[in-house]
Amino acid sequence: METQTNNGETRMRRQGIHAKTYPNGAVYRGHYVNDKRHGFGFKIHADEMTIKIRYYERGNMIFEQIISN
């Protein structure tokens, strides 16, 4: 399934397990359906001191557990 970006390019929508890196260096890895977070995933902050475990349904966060060192 393809989608169109703001600059007119087309790209594939994320399906299954994917990772996204944010400009601040944090990384989210989790399940996607039709390019929306759906299911369990986790976000590791750039300093690697904080991990957020999250559960999403159709892009909406339902649950979050924060682990900090």
Protein backbone atom coordinates (compact mmCIF):
# COMPACT_ATOMS: atom_id res chain seq x y z
CA MET A 1 0.00 0.00 0.00
CA GLU A 2 1.43 3.38 -1.00
CA THR A 3 0.86 6.85 0.36
CA GLN A 4 1.83 10.29 -0.92
CA THR A 5 4.15 12.52 1.10
CA ASN A 6 3.94 16.32 1.47
CA ASN A 7 6.49 16.86 -1.31
CA GLY A 8 4.54 14.71 -3.79
CA GLU A 9 6.72 11.60 -3.56
CA THR A 10 5.14 8.21 -2.98
CA ARG A 11 6.40 5.71 -0.43
CA MET A 12 5.24 2.45 1.07
CA ARG A 13 3.17 2.60 4.24
CA ARG A 14 4.77 0.83 7.18
CA GLN A 15 3.35 -2.62 7.91
CA GLY A 16 4.67 -4.99 10.59
CA ILE A 17 7.68 -4.21 12.78
CA HIS A 18 9.64 -1.07 11.89
CA ALA A 19 11.98 1.42 13.52
CA LYS A 20 11.82 5.22 13.39
CA THR A 21 14.73 7.45 14.42
CA TYR A 22 13.86 10.95 15.65
CA PRO A 23 16.01 14.07 15.08
CA ASN A 24 17.00 14.06 18.78
CA GLY A 25 18.48 10.56 18.41
CA ALA A 26 15.66 8.63 20.12
CA VAL A 27 14.54 5.42 18.41
CA TYR A 28 11.03 3.90 18.37
CA ARG A 29 10.70 0.27 17.34
CA GLY A 30 7.32 -1.43 17.18
CA HIS A 31 4.37 -2.72 15.20
CA TYR A 32 2.66 -0.68 12.48
CA VAL A 33 -0.58 -1.16 10.52
CA ASN A 34 -1.27 1.21 7.59
CA ASP A 35 1.55 3.50 8.76
CA LYS A 36 0.07 3.89 12.28
CA ARG A 37 1.52 2.42 15.45
CA HIS A 38 -0.57 -0.60 16.40
CA GLY A 39 0.47 -3.03 19.13
CA PHE A 40 3.52 -3.04 21.38
CA GLY A 41 6.59 -0.93 20.80
CA PHE A 42 9.37 0.72 22.73
CA LYS A 43 11.20 4.04 22.55
CA ILE A 44 14.79 4.41 23.72
CA HIS A 45 15.94 7.97 24.34
CA ALA A 46 19.25 9.11 22.88
CA ASP A 47 20.95 9.09 26.30
CA GLU A 48 19.85 5.42 26.68
CA MET A 49 18.78 6.22 30.25
CA THR A 50 15.03 6.12 29.60
CA ILE A 51 12.99 3.43 27.87
CA LYS A 52 9.27 3.79 27.24
CA ILE A 53 7.24 0.65 26.55
CA ARG A 54 3.96 1.49 24.87
CA TYR A 55 0.88 -0.19 23.46
CA TYR A 56 -1.04 1.48 20.61
CA GLU A 57 -4.34 0.86 18.88
CA ARG A 58 -4.66 2.53 15.46
CA GLY A 59 -2.14 5.21 16.40
CA ASN A 60 -3.60 5.99 19.83
CA MET A 61 -1.48 5.20 22.89
CA ILE A 62 -3.38 2.94 25.31
CA PHE A 63 -0.65 2.01 27.79
CA GLU A 64 2.81 3.31 28.76
CA GLN A 65 5.46 2.01 31.18
CA ILE A 66 8.57 4.17 31.74
CA ILE A 67 11.85 2.60 32.85
CA SER A 68 14.68 4.95 33.89
CA ASN A 69 18.20 4.16 35.05
